[in-house]
Amino acid sequence: MILSIVARALNALVIVYVFLCAARVLISWVPALDAGKGGAILARLTDPYLNFFRRFRIFSSGAFDFSPIAALALLAVVNDLLSTLAYTGSLSVGLVLGLLVGAAWSAVAFIISFFAVCAVARMVAYAARWNSLHPIWRVIDAILNPVLFRINRLVYRGRIVNYLQGLITGFAVLLLLRMGGGALLGLVIRSLDRLPF
């Protein structure tokens, strides 16, 4: 009973902190909103946690920083654990592992989906012959090209392919990764839930 009450209180705090972190991330995209005492307080509350994830190179790809996704995914796992504890009164190792695997996959799936959407946008722009030198396409290329380079190097083994073929191949591989990873994750989580401890 007491454990359930404590878990509910902590869960409420985690939910509030998730909103604060999300607000901080959104505000960081628009520097003009960052000014003022409220922005400074928000930064003091959230930056130590968010900056912890920025230290890891795995969360950055070229010009894009995915560390806030990892930070929010970890808070989502904590939220799920506390919610489960609040309503069931107990946790199992299998459930905790399932939640951790699920949160990790959610973050990875978001990043894969993000790259796939960028590839589709770039294919549409290429097919429509829109200005490839426009700043938005340059940013998308800066984000997308390192991923496409790695995928195409694996698929074509160093052969040169045209840009559209590379985009289509990259999108197809990303789509397969997203769908295959989701199916595999379902099997893993179901087997973890069956663990007796």
N, C-alpha and C. Protein backbone atom coordinates (compact mmCIF):
# COMPACT_ATOMS: atom_id res chain seq x y z
N MET A 1 0.82 -1.20 0.00
CA MET A 1 0.00 0.00 0.00
C MET A 1 0.87 1.27 0.00
N ILE A 2 1.80 1.34 0.93
CA ILE A 2 2.68 2.52 1.00
C ILE A 2 3.54 2.59 -0.25
N LEU A 3 4.06 1.44 -0.70
CA LEU A 3 4.87 1.38 -1.92
C LEU A 3 4.09 1.91 -3.12
N SER A 4 2.82 1.56 -3.21
CA SER A 4 1.97 2.01 -4.30
C SER A 4 1.79 3.53 -4.27
N ILE A 5 1.60 4.09 -3.08
CA ILE A 5 1.43 5.55 -2.94
C ILE A 5 2.71 6.27 -3.33
N VAL A 6 3.84 5.77 -2.85
CA VAL A 6 5.14 6.38 -3.19
C VAL A 6 5.37 6.31 -4.70
N ALA A 7 5.06 5.16 -5.30
CA ALA A 7 5.25 4.99 -6.75
C ALA A 7 4.38 5.97 -7.53
N ARG A 8 3.13 6.18 -7.08
CA ARG A 8 2.25 7.14 -7.76
C ARG A 8 2.78 8.57 -7.65
N ALA A 9 3.29 8.93 -6.48
CA ALA A 9 3.84 10.28 -6.29
C ALA A 9 5.07 10.48 -7.17
N LEU A 10 5.96 9.49 -7.18
CA LEU A 10 7.15 9.59 -8.02
C LEU A 10 6.78 9.61 -9.50
N ASN A 11 5.77 8.83 -9.87
CA ASN A 11 5.30 8.81 -11.26
C ASN A 11 4.82 10.19 -11.68
N ALA A 12 4.09 10.86 -10.80
CA ALA A 12 3.62 12.22 -11.11
C ALA A 12 4.79 13.17 -11.30
N LEU A 13 5.81 13.05 -10.46
CA LEU A 13 7.00 13.90 -10.60
C LEU A 13 7.73 13.63 -11.91
N VAL A 14 7.83 12.36 -12.28
CA VAL A 14 8.50 12.01 -13.54
C VAL A 14 7.73 12.59 -14.73
N ILE A 15 6.41 12.52 -14.68
CA ILE A 15 5.60 13.08 -15.78
C ILE A 15 5.83 14.58 -15.91
N VAL A 16 5.86 15.28 -14.77
CA VAL A 16 6.13 16.73 -14.80
C VAL A 16 7.52 16.98 -15.38
N TYR A 17 8.52 16.18 -14.97
CA TYR A 17 9.87 16.37 -15.46
C TYR A 17 9.98 16.08 -16.96
N VAL A 18 9.22 15.11 -17.45
CA VAL A 18 9.19 14.84 -18.89
C VAL A 18 8.72 16.08 -19.64
N PHE A 19 7.65 16.71 -19.15
CA PHE A 19 7.14 17.93 -19.80
C PHE A 19 8.16 19.06 -19.72
N LEU A 20 8.86 19.19 -18.59
CA LEU A 20 9.88 20.23 -18.48
C LEU A 20 11.02 19.98 -19.47
N CYS A 21 11.47 18.72 -19.58
CA CYS A 21 12.55 18.41 -20.53
C CYS A 21 12.10 18.64 -21.97
N ALA A 22 10.88 18.24 -22.29
CA ALA A 22 10.36 18.45 -23.64
C ALA A 22 10.27 19.95 -23.95
N ALA A 23 9.82 20.73 -22.97
CA ALA A 23 9.75 22.19 -23.16
C ALA A 23 11.13 22.77 -23.38
N ARG A 24 12.12 22.29 -22.62
CA ARG A 24 13.49 22.78 -22.77
C ARG A 24 14.03 22.47 -24.16
N VAL A 25 13.76 21.27 -24.66
CA VAL A 25 14.22 20.89 -26.00
C VAL A 25 13.57 21.79 -27.05
N LEU A 26 12.26 21.99 -26.94
CA LEU A 26 11.56 22.84 -27.91
C LEU A 26 12.06 24.27 -27.85
N ILE A 27 12.28 24.78 -26.65
CA ILE A 27 12.77 26.16 -26.50
C ILE A 27 14.18 26.30 -27.08
N SER A 28 14.99 25.24 -26.96
CA SER A 28 16.35 25.32 -27.50
C SER A 28 16.36 25.44 -29.02
N TRP A 29 15.27 25.02 -29.68
CA TRP A 29 15.18 25.15 -31.13
C TRP A 29 14.85 26.58 -31.54
N VAL A 30 14.27 27.37 -30.63
CA VAL A 30 13.93 28.77 -30.92
C VAL A 30 14.61 29.62 -29.87
N PRO A 31 15.85 30.06 -30.11
CA PRO A 31 16.63 30.77 -29.10
C PRO A 31 15.95 32.03 -28.55
N ALA A 32 15.10 32.66 -29.33
CA ALA A 32 14.43 33.88 -28.85
C ALA A 32 13.52 33.59 -27.65
N LEU A 33 13.00 32.36 -27.56
CA LEU A 33 12.13 31.99 -26.45
C LEU A 33 12.91 31.69 -25.17
N ASP A 34 14.21 31.51 -25.29
CA ASP A 34 15.05 31.10 -24.17
C ASP A 34 15.32 32.23 -23.18
N ALA A 35 15.10 33.46 -23.57
CA ALA A 35 15.42 34.60 -22.72
C ALA A 35 14.47 34.67 -21.54
N GLY A 36 14.98 35.24 -20.48
CA GLY A 36 14.12 35.48 -19.32
C GLY A 36 14.42 34.55 -18.17
N LYS A 37 13.84 34.92 -17.05
CA LYS A 37 14.06 34.18 -15.81
C LYS A 37 13.48 32.77 -15.88
N GLY A 38 12.30 32.61 -16.50
CA GLY A 38 11.69 31.29 -16.63
C GLY A 38 12.56 30.34 -17.42
N GLY A 39 13.14 30.84 -18.51
CA GLY A 39 14.03 30.01 -19.33
C GLY A 39 15.28 29.60 -18.57
N ALA A 40 15.80 30.51 -17.74
CA ALA A 40 17.00 30.19 -16.94
C ALA A 40 16.68 29.13 -15.88
N ILE A 41 15.51 29.24 -15.26
CA ILE A 41 15.11 28.24 -14.26
C ILE A 41 14.91 26.88 -14.93
N LEU A 42 14.23 26.89 -16.07
CA LEU A 42 14.00 25.65 -16.81
C LEU A 42 15.33 25.00 -17.19
N ALA A 43 16.28 25.81 -17.65
CA ALA A 43 17.59 25.29 -18.03
C ALA A 43 18.31 24.69 -16.83
N ARG A 44 18.25 25.35 -15.68
CA ARG A 44 18.91 24.81 -14.47
C ARG A 44 18.30 23.49 -14.03
N LEU A 45 17.00 23.34 -14.23
CA LEU A 45 16.32 22.11 -13.82
C LEU A 45 16.59 20.93 -14.77
N THR A 46 16.70 21.22 -16.05
CA THR A 46 16.75 20.13 -17.04
C THR A 46 18.11 19.92 -17.70
N ASP A 47 18.93 20.95 -17.82
CA ASP A 47 20.19 20.82 -18.55
C ASP A 47 21.14 19.77 -17.98
N PRO A 48 21.29 19.64 -16.66
CA PRO A 48 22.19 18.58 -16.19
C PRO A 48 21.79 17.19 -16.68
N TYR A 49 20.51 16.90 -16.67
CA TYR A 49 20.02 15.60 -17.14
C TYR A 49 20.20 15.47 -18.66
N LEU A 50 19.78 16.48 -19.42
CA LEU A 50 19.89 16.42 -20.88
C LEU A 50 21.34 16.41 -21.34
N ASN A 51 22.20 17.16 -20.65
CA ASN A 51 23.61 17.22 -21.04
C ASN A 51 24.33 15.90 -20.81
N PHE A 52 23.86 15.11 -19.85
CA PHE A 52 24.45 13.79 -19.63
C PHE A 52 24.39 12.96 -20.91
N PHE A 53 23.30 13.01 -21.63
CA PHE A 53 23.12 12.21 -22.85
C PHE A 53 23.88 12.80 -24.03
N ARG A 54 24.15 14.11 -24.00
CA ARG A 54 24.89 14.75 -25.10
C ARG A 54 26.35 14.30 -25.14
N ARG A 55 26.84 13.74 -24.04
CA ARG A 55 28.23 13.30 -23.99
C ARG A 55 28.49 12.10 -24.89
N PHE A 56 27.46 11.34 -25.21
CA PHE A 56 27.64 10.10 -25.95
C PHE A 56 27.53 10.36 -27.46
N ARG A 57 28.58 10.03 -28.18
CA ARG A 57 28.64 10.28 -29.62
C ARG A 57 27.60 9.49 -30.41
N ILE A 58 27.19 8.37 -29.85
CA ILE A 58 26.24 7.52 -30.55
C ILE A 58 24.92 8.24 -30.82
N PHE A 59 24.62 9.28 -30.04
CA PHE A 59 23.37 9.99 -30.18
C PHE A 59 23.44 11.17 -31.15
N SER A 60 24.58 11.36 -31.82
CA SER A 60 24.66 12.47 -32.78
C SER A 60 24.99 11.92 -34.16
N SER A 61 24.35 12.52 -35.16
CA SER A 61 24.58 12.12 -36.54
C SER A 61 24.75 13.37 -37.38
N GLY A 62 25.98 13.69 -37.67
CA GLY A 62 26.23 14.89 -38.45
C GLY A 62 25.75 16.13 -37.72
N ALA A 63 24.81 16.83 -38.34
CA ALA A 63 24.32 18.08 -37.78
C ALA A 63 23.15 17.88 -36.83
N PHE A 64 22.75 16.64 -36.59
CA PHE A 64 21.54 16.41 -35.79
C PHE A 64 21.89 15.71 -34.48
N ASP A 65 21.27 16.17 -33.39
CA ASP A 65 21.51 15.63 -32.05
C ASP A 65 20.28 14.86 -31.59
N PHE A 66 20.45 13.53 -31.44
CA PHE A 66 19.35 12.68 -31.01
C PHE A 66 19.36 12.42 -29.51
N SER A 67 20.24 13.07 -28.77
CA SER A 67 20.34 12.80 -27.33
C SER A 67 19.05 13.12 -26.57
N PRO A 68 18.27 14.15 -26.94
CA PRO A 68 17.01 14.35 -26.21
C PRO A 68 16.04 13.17 -26.34
N ILE A 69 16.10 12.46 -27.46
CA ILE A 69 15.24 11.29 -27.64
C ILE A 69 15.63 10.22 -26.63
N ALA A 70 16.94 10.00 -26.47
CA ALA A 70 17.41 9.01 -25.49
C ALA A 70 17.03 9.43 -24.08
N ALA A 71 17.18 10.71 -23.78
CA ALA A 71 16.84 11.21 -22.44
C ALA A 71 15.36 11.02 -22.14
N LEU A 72 14.51 11.35 -23.09
CA LEU A 72 13.07 11.20 -22.89
C LEU A 72 12.67 9.72 -22.88
N ALA A 73 13.37 8.88 -23.64
CA ALA A 73 13.07 7.45 -23.64
C ALA A 73 13.36 6.84 -22.27
N LEU A 74 14.46 7.26 -21.64
CA LEU A 74 14.77 6.75 -20.30
C LEU A 74 13.71 7.19 -19.29
N LEU A 75 13.27 8.43 -19.39
CA LEU A 75 12.20 8.89 -18.51
C LEU A 75 10.91 8.12 -18.75
N ALA A 76 10.66 7.74 -20.00
CA ALA A 76 9.47 6.95 -20.31
C ALA A 76 9.55 5.57 -19.65
N VAL A 77 10.75 4.97 -19.64
CA VAL A 77 10.92 3.67 -18.98
C VAL A 77 10.66 3.81 -17.48
N VAL A 78 11.24 4.84 -16.88
CA VAL A 78 11.03 5.07 -15.45
C VAL A 78 9.54 5.28 -15.17
N ASN A 79 8.88 6.04 -16.03
CA ASN A 79 7.44 6.28 -15.88
C ASN A 79 6.65 4.97 -15.96
N ASP A 80 6.99 4.12 -16.92
CA ASP A 80 6.31 2.83 -17.07
C ASP A 80 6.55 1.92 -15.86
N LEU A 81 7.78 1.92 -15.37
CA LEU A 81 8.10 1.11 -14.20
C LEU A 81 7.30 1.58 -12.97
N LEU A 82 7.27 2.88 -12.77
CA LEU A 82 6.54 3.42 -11.62
C LEU A 82 5.04 3.20 -11.76
N SER A 83 4.51 3.33 -12.98
CA SER A 83 3.08 3.08 -13.20
C SER A 83 2.74 1.62 -12.89
N THR A 84 3.58 0.71 -13.37
CA THR A 84 3.35 -0.70 -13.11
C THR A 84 3.43 -1.00 -11.62
N LEU A 85 4.43 -0.44 -10.97
CA LEU A 85 4.60 -0.64 -9.54
C LEU A 85 3.42 -0.07 -8.75
N ALA A 86 2.92 1.09 -9.20
CA ALA A 86 1.80 1.73 -8.50
C ALA A 86 0.53 0.91 -8.58
N TYR A 87 0.30 0.23 -9.70
CA TYR A 87 -0.97 -0.47 -9.89
C TYR A 87 -0.90 -1.97 -9.60
N THR A 88 0.29 -2.58 -9.70
CA THR A 88 0.38 -4.00 -9.40
C THR A 88 1.04 -4.28 -8.05
N GLY A 89 1.83 -3.33 -7.59
CA GLY A 89 2.52 -3.51 -6.32
C GLY A 89 3.79 -4.32 -6.42
N SER A 90 4.15 -4.79 -7.63
CA SER A 90 5.38 -5.56 -7.77
C SER A 90 5.92 -5.44 -9.20
N LEU A 91 7.18 -5.76 -9.32
CA LEU A 91 7.85 -5.77 -10.63
C LEU A 91 8.62 -7.08 -10.75
N SER A 92 8.76 -7.54 -11.99
CA SER A 92 9.60 -8.71 -12.23
C SER A 92 10.78 -8.28 -13.10
N VAL A 93 11.82 -9.08 -13.07
CA VAL A 93 13.01 -8.78 -13.88
C VAL A 93 12.63 -8.79 -15.36
N GLY A 94 11.78 -9.75 -15.74
CA GLY A 94 11.34 -9.83 -17.14
C GLY A 94 10.60 -8.58 -17.58
N LEU A 95 9.74 -8.06 -16.72
CA LEU A 95 8.99 -6.85 -17.05
C LEU A 95 9.92 -5.65 -17.19
N VAL A 96 10.87 -5.53 -16.26
CA VAL A 96 11.83 -4.41 -16.32
C VAL A 96 12.67 -4.51 -17.59
N LEU A 97 13.17 -5.71 -17.89
CA LEU A 97 13.95 -5.88 -19.12
C LEU A 97 13.12 -5.60 -20.36
N GLY A 98 11.86 -6.04 -20.35
CA GLY A 98 10.97 -5.78 -21.47
C GLY A 98 10.74 -4.29 -21.68
N LEU A 99 10.56 -3.56 -20.58
CA LEU A 99 10.37 -2.11 -20.68
C LEU A 99 11.63 -1.42 -21.20
N LEU A 100 12.79 -1.86 -20.72
CA LEU A 100 14.06 -1.27 -21.19
C LEU A 100 14.28 -1.54 -22.67
N VAL A 101 14.04 -2.77 -23.10
CA VAL A 101 14.20 -3.12 -24.51
C VAL A 101 13.20 -2.34 -25.36
N GLY A 102 11.96 -2.25 -24.87
CA GLY A 102 10.93 -1.52 -25.60
C GLY A 102 11.27 -0.04 -25.75
N ALA A 103 11.78 0.57 -24.69
CA ALA A 103 12.14 1.99 -24.76
C ALA A 103 13.33 2.21 -25.69
N ALA A 104 14.32 1.32 -25.60
CA ALA A 104 15.47 1.44 -26.49
C ALA A 104 15.03 1.32 -27.95
N TRP A 105 14.17 0.33 -28.23
CA TRP A 105 13.69 0.17 -29.59
C TRP A 105 12.86 1.37 -30.03
N SER A 106 12.05 1.94 -29.14
CA SER A 106 11.25 3.11 -29.52
C SER A 106 12.14 4.26 -29.97
N ALA A 107 13.23 4.48 -29.24
CA ALA A 107 14.16 5.55 -29.63
C ALA A 107 14.81 5.24 -30.97
N VAL A 108 15.27 3.99 -31.14
CA VAL A 108 15.91 3.59 -32.41
C VAL A 108 14.90 3.65 -33.56
N ALA A 109 13.67 3.18 -33.30
CA ALA A 109 12.64 3.19 -34.34
C ALA A 109 12.31 4.62 -34.76
N PHE A 110 12.29 5.55 -33.81
CA PHE A 110 12.04 6.94 -34.14
C PHE A 110 13.13 7.47 -35.06
N ILE A 111 14.37 7.17 -34.73
CA ILE A 111 15.50 7.66 -35.54
C ILE A 111 15.46 7.04 -36.94
N ILE A 112 15.18 5.73 -37.02
CA ILE A 112 15.07 5.07 -38.33
C ILE A 112 13.94 5.71 -39.13
N SER A 113 12.80 5.93 -38.49
CA SER A 113 11.66 6.55 -39.18
C SER A 113 11.99 7.96 -39.63
N PHE A 114 12.73 8.70 -38.79
CA PHE A 114 13.14 10.06 -39.16
C PHE A 114 13.99 10.04 -40.43
N PHE A 115 14.98 9.14 -40.49
CA PHE A 115 15.82 9.04 -41.68
C PHE A 115 15.00 8.59 -42.90
N ALA A 116 14.05 7.69 -42.69
CA ALA A 116 13.20 7.23 -43.80
C ALA A 116 12.35 8.37 -44.35
N VAL A 117 11.80 9.20 -43.47
CA VAL A 117 11.00 10.36 -43.91
C VAL A 117 11.89 11.34 -44.66
N CYS A 118 13.10 11.56 -44.17
CA CYS A 118 14.04 12.44 -44.88
C CYS A 118 14.35 11.89 -46.27
N ALA A 119 14.51 10.57 -46.38
CA ALA A 119 14.79 9.95 -47.68
C ALA A 119 13.62 10.13 -48.63
N VAL A 120 12.39 9.96 -48.13
CA VAL A 120 11.20 10.15 -48.98
C VAL A 120 11.11 11.60 -49.43
N ALA A 121 11.31 12.53 -48.50
CA ALA A 121 11.26 13.96 -48.87
C ALA A 121 12.30 14.27 -49.93
N ARG A 122 13.49 13.69 -49.78
CA ARG A 122 14.56 13.95 -50.76
C ARG A 122 14.25 13.32 -52.11
N MET A 123 13.61 12.13 -52.10
CA MET A 123 13.23 11.49 -53.37
C MET A 123 12.18 12.32 -54.10
N VAL A 124 11.21 12.85 -53.35
CA VAL A 124 10.18 13.70 -53.96
C VAL A 124 10.81 14.95 -54.54
N ALA A 125 11.71 15.57 -53.79
CA ALA A 125 12.38 16.78 -54.28
C ALA A 125 13.22 16.49 -55.51
N TYR A 126 13.88 15.34 -55.51
CA TYR A 126 14.71 14.96 -56.65
C TYR A 126 13.84 14.70 -57.87
N ALA A 127 12.76 13.94 -57.68
CA ALA A 127 11.87 13.61 -58.80
C ALA A 127 11.18 14.85 -59.35
N ALA A 128 10.84 15.79 -58.46
CA ALA A 128 10.17 17.02 -58.89
C ALA A 128 11.16 18.06 -59.40
N ARG A 129 12.44 17.74 -59.32
CA ARG A 129 13.52 18.63 -59.78
C ARG A 129 13.51 19.98 -59.07
N TRP A 130 13.22 19.93 -57.76
CA TRP A 130 13.29 21.15 -56.97
C TRP A 130 14.75 21.54 -56.77
N ASN A 131 14.98 22.78 -56.47
CA ASN A 131 16.32 23.32 -56.31
C ASN A 131 17.08 22.56 -55.22
N SER A 132 18.07 21.77 -55.61
CA SER A 132 18.84 20.97 -54.66
C SER A 132 19.76 21.80 -53.78
N LEU A 133 19.97 23.05 -54.16
CA LEU A 133 20.86 23.91 -53.38
C LEU A 133 20.12 24.74 -52.34
N HIS A 134 18.80 24.56 -52.26
CA HIS A 134 18.02 25.28 -51.25
C HIS A 134 18.52 24.86 -49.86
N PRO A 135 18.57 25.79 -48.91
CA PRO A 135 19.11 25.46 -47.58
C PRO A 135 18.44 24.26 -46.89
N ILE A 136 17.15 24.09 -47.08
CA ILE A 136 16.48 22.97 -46.42
C ILE A 136 16.97 21.63 -46.95
N TRP A 137 17.23 21.54 -48.27
CA TRP A 137 17.73 20.29 -48.84
C TRP A 137 19.17 20.05 -48.45
N ARG A 138 19.92 21.12 -48.27
CA ARG A 138 21.30 20.98 -47.82
C ARG A 138 21.35 20.40 -46.40
N VAL A 139 20.44 20.88 -45.55
CA VAL A 139 20.37 20.37 -44.17
C VAL A 139 19.96 18.91 -44.19
N ILE A 140 18.93 18.57 -44.97
CA ILE A 140 18.48 17.18 -45.05
C ILE A 140 19.59 16.30 -45.60
N ASP A 141 20.31 16.77 -46.63
CA ASP A 141 21.43 15.99 -47.16
C ASP A 141 22.52 15.79 -46.12
N ALA A 142 22.81 16.84 -45.33
CA ALA A 142 23.84 16.72 -44.30
C ALA A 142 23.45 15.68 -43.25
N ILE A 143 22.17 15.58 -42.95
CA ILE A 143 21.68 14.60 -41.98
C ILE A 143 21.65 13.20 -42.59
N LEU A 144 21.16 13.12 -43.81
CA LEU A 144 20.85 11.84 -44.45
C LEU A 144 22.06 11.17 -45.10
N ASN A 145 22.95 11.93 -45.71
CA ASN A 145 24.02 11.33 -46.51
C ASN A 145 24.96 10.40 -45.75
N PRO A 146 25.35 10.69 -44.49
CA PRO A 146 26.20 9.71 -43.79
C PRO A 146 25.52 8.34 -43.63
N VAL A 147 24.21 8.34 -43.39
CA VAL A 147 23.47 7.09 -43.24
C VAL A 147 23.37 6.39 -44.59
N LEU A 148 23.02 7.14 -45.63
CA LEU A 148 22.91 6.55 -46.97
C LEU A 148 24.25 6.00 -47.44
N PHE A 149 25.33 6.70 -47.12
CA PHE A 149 26.66 6.24 -47.53
C PHE A 149 26.95 4.86 -46.93
N ARG A 150 26.66 4.70 -45.62
CA ARG A 150 26.92 3.42 -44.97
C ARG A 150 26.05 2.30 -45.53
N ILE A 151 24.77 2.62 -45.74
CA ILE A 151 23.85 1.60 -46.28
C ILE A 151 24.29 1.19 -47.68
N ASN A 152 24.56 2.17 -48.53
CA ASN A 152 24.92 1.86 -49.92
C ASN A 152 26.28 1.18 -50.02
N ARG A 153 27.19 1.49 -49.11
CA ARG A 153 28.48 0.81 -49.11
C ARG A 153 28.30 -0.68 -48.79
N LEU A 154 27.37 -0.99 -47.87
CA LEU A 154 27.09 -2.39 -47.54
C LEU A 154 26.35 -3.10 -48.67
N VAL A 155 25.37 -2.44 -49.24
CA VAL A 155 24.54 -3.08 -50.27
C VAL A 155 25.30 -3.23 -51.59
N TYR A 156 25.95 -2.17 -52.03
CA TYR A 156 26.59 -2.18 -53.36
C TYR A 156 28.08 -2.50 -53.32
N ARG A 157 28.63 -2.69 -52.14
CA ARG A 157 30.03 -3.08 -51.97
C ARG A 157 31.01 -2.20 -52.74
N GLY A 158 30.82 -0.89 -52.61
CA GLY A 158 31.76 0.05 -53.20
C GLY A 158 31.46 0.48 -54.62
N ARG A 159 30.46 -0.15 -55.28
CA ARG A 159 30.10 0.30 -56.64
C ARG A 159 29.43 1.66 -56.55
N ILE A 160 29.61 2.44 -57.58
CA ILE A 160 29.01 3.78 -57.63
C ILE A 160 27.59 3.66 -58.18
N VAL A 161 26.64 4.29 -57.48
CA VAL A 161 25.25 4.32 -57.94
C VAL A 161 24.80 5.77 -57.99
N ASN A 162 23.77 6.04 -58.80
CA ASN A 162 23.30 7.42 -58.87
C ASN A 162 22.53 7.78 -57.60
N TYR A 163 22.32 9.06 -57.41
CA TYR A 163 21.76 9.56 -56.15
C TYR A 163 20.36 9.01 -55.89
N LEU A 164 19.51 8.99 -56.91
CA LEU A 164 18.14 8.50 -56.71
C LEU A 164 18.14 7.02 -56.34
N GLN A 165 18.97 6.22 -57.00
CA GLN A 165 19.06 4.80 -56.66
C GLN A 165 19.55 4.62 -55.23
N GLY A 166 20.51 5.43 -54.82
CA GLY A 166 20.99 5.39 -53.43
C GLY A 166 19.91 5.76 -52.44
N LEU A 167 19.09 6.77 -52.79
CA LEU A 167 17.98 7.16 -51.91
C LEU A 167 16.95 6.04 -51.79
N ILE A 168 16.60 5.43 -52.93
CA ILE A 168 15.60 4.35 -52.91
C ILE A 168 16.12 3.15 -52.11
N THR A 169 17.37 2.78 -52.34
CA THR A 169 17.97 1.67 -51.60
C THR A 169 18.01 1.97 -50.10
N GLY A 170 18.45 3.18 -49.77
CA GLY A 170 18.51 3.58 -48.36
C GLY A 170 17.15 3.52 -47.70
N PHE A 171 16.12 4.03 -48.40
CA PHE A 171 14.77 4.00 -47.86
C PHE A 171 14.29 2.56 -47.67
N ALA A 172 14.54 1.70 -48.64
CA ALA A 172 14.10 0.31 -48.55
C ALA A 172 14.76 -0.40 -47.36
N VAL A 173 16.05 -0.17 -47.17
CA VAL A 173 16.77 -0.80 -46.04
C VAL A 173 16.23 -0.25 -44.72
N LEU A 174 16.02 1.05 -44.64
CA LEU A 174 15.47 1.65 -43.41
C LEU A 174 14.08 1.09 -43.10
N LEU A 175 13.26 0.94 -44.14
CA LEU A 175 11.92 0.39 -43.95
C LEU A 175 11.98 -1.06 -43.46
N LEU A 176 12.87 -1.85 -44.04
CA LEU A 176 13.03 -3.24 -43.61
C LEU A 176 13.53 -3.31 -42.16
N LEU A 177 14.48 -2.44 -41.82
CA LEU A 177 14.98 -2.40 -40.44
C LEU A 177 13.85 -2.05 -39.47
N ARG A 178 13.04 -1.08 -39.84
CA ARG A 178 11.95 -0.63 -38.96
C ARG A 178 10.93 -1.74 -38.76
N MET A 179 10.51 -2.38 -39.84
CA MET A 179 9.50 -3.42 -39.75
C MET A 179 10.07 -4.69 -39.10
N GLY A 180 11.25 -5.10 -39.53
CA GLY A 180 11.87 -6.30 -38.97
C GLY A 180 12.22 -6.14 -37.50
N GLY A 181 12.72 -4.97 -37.14
CA GLY A 181 13.05 -4.71 -35.75
C GLY A 181 11.81 -4.71 -34.87
N GLY A 182 10.72 -4.16 -35.36
CA GLY A 182 9.47 -4.16 -34.60
C GLY A 182 8.95 -5.56 -34.36
N ALA A 183 9.01 -6.40 -35.39
CA ALA A 183 8.55 -7.80 -35.26
C ALA A 183 9.44 -8.57 -34.28
N LEU A 184 10.76 -8.38 -34.41
CA LEU A 184 11.69 -9.05 -33.51
C LEU A 184 11.50 -8.58 -32.07
N LEU A 185 11.26 -7.30 -31.91
CA LEU A 185 11.05 -6.75 -30.57
C LEU A 185 9.83 -7.38 -29.91
N GLY A 186 8.75 -7.54 -30.67
CA GLY A 186 7.56 -8.17 -30.12
C GLY A 186 7.86 -9.56 -29.57
N LEU A 187 8.65 -10.35 -30.30
CA LEU A 187 9.03 -11.69 -29.84
C LEU A 187 9.88 -11.62 -28.58
N VAL A 188 10.83 -10.69 -28.56
CA VAL A 188 11.73 -10.57 -27.41
C VAL A 188 10.94 -10.17 -26.16
N ILE A 189 10.05 -9.18 -26.29
CA ILE A 189 9.29 -8.72 -25.13
C ILE A 189 8.36 -9.81 -24.62
N ARG A 190 7.72 -10.54 -25.51
CA ARG A 190 6.85 -11.64 -25.07
C ARG A 190 7.65 -12.70 -24.32
N SER A 191 8.85 -13.00 -24.79
CA SER A 191 9.65 -14.01 -24.09
C SER A 191 10.18 -13.46 -22.75
N LEU A 192 10.49 -12.17 -22.67
CA LEU A 192 10.93 -11.60 -21.40
C LEU A 192 9.81 -11.56 -20.38
N ASP A 193 8.58 -11.30 -20.84
CA ASP A 193 7.44 -11.28 -19.92
C ASP A 193 7.18 -12.63 -19.30
N ARG A 194 7.62 -13.69 -19.95
CA ARG A 194 7.38 -15.05 -19.43
C ARG A 194 8.44 -15.49 -18.42
N LEU A 195 9.47 -14.68 -18.23
CA LEU A 195 10.51 -15.06 -17.26
C LEU A 195 9.87 -15.21 -15.89
N PRO A 196 10.24 -16.25 -15.15
CA PRO A 196 9.58 -16.52 -13.87
C PRO A 196 10.00 -15.59 -12.74
N PHE A 197 11.06 -14.83 -12.91
CA PHE A 197 11.53 -13.99 -11.80
C PHE A 197 11.37 -12.53 -12.10
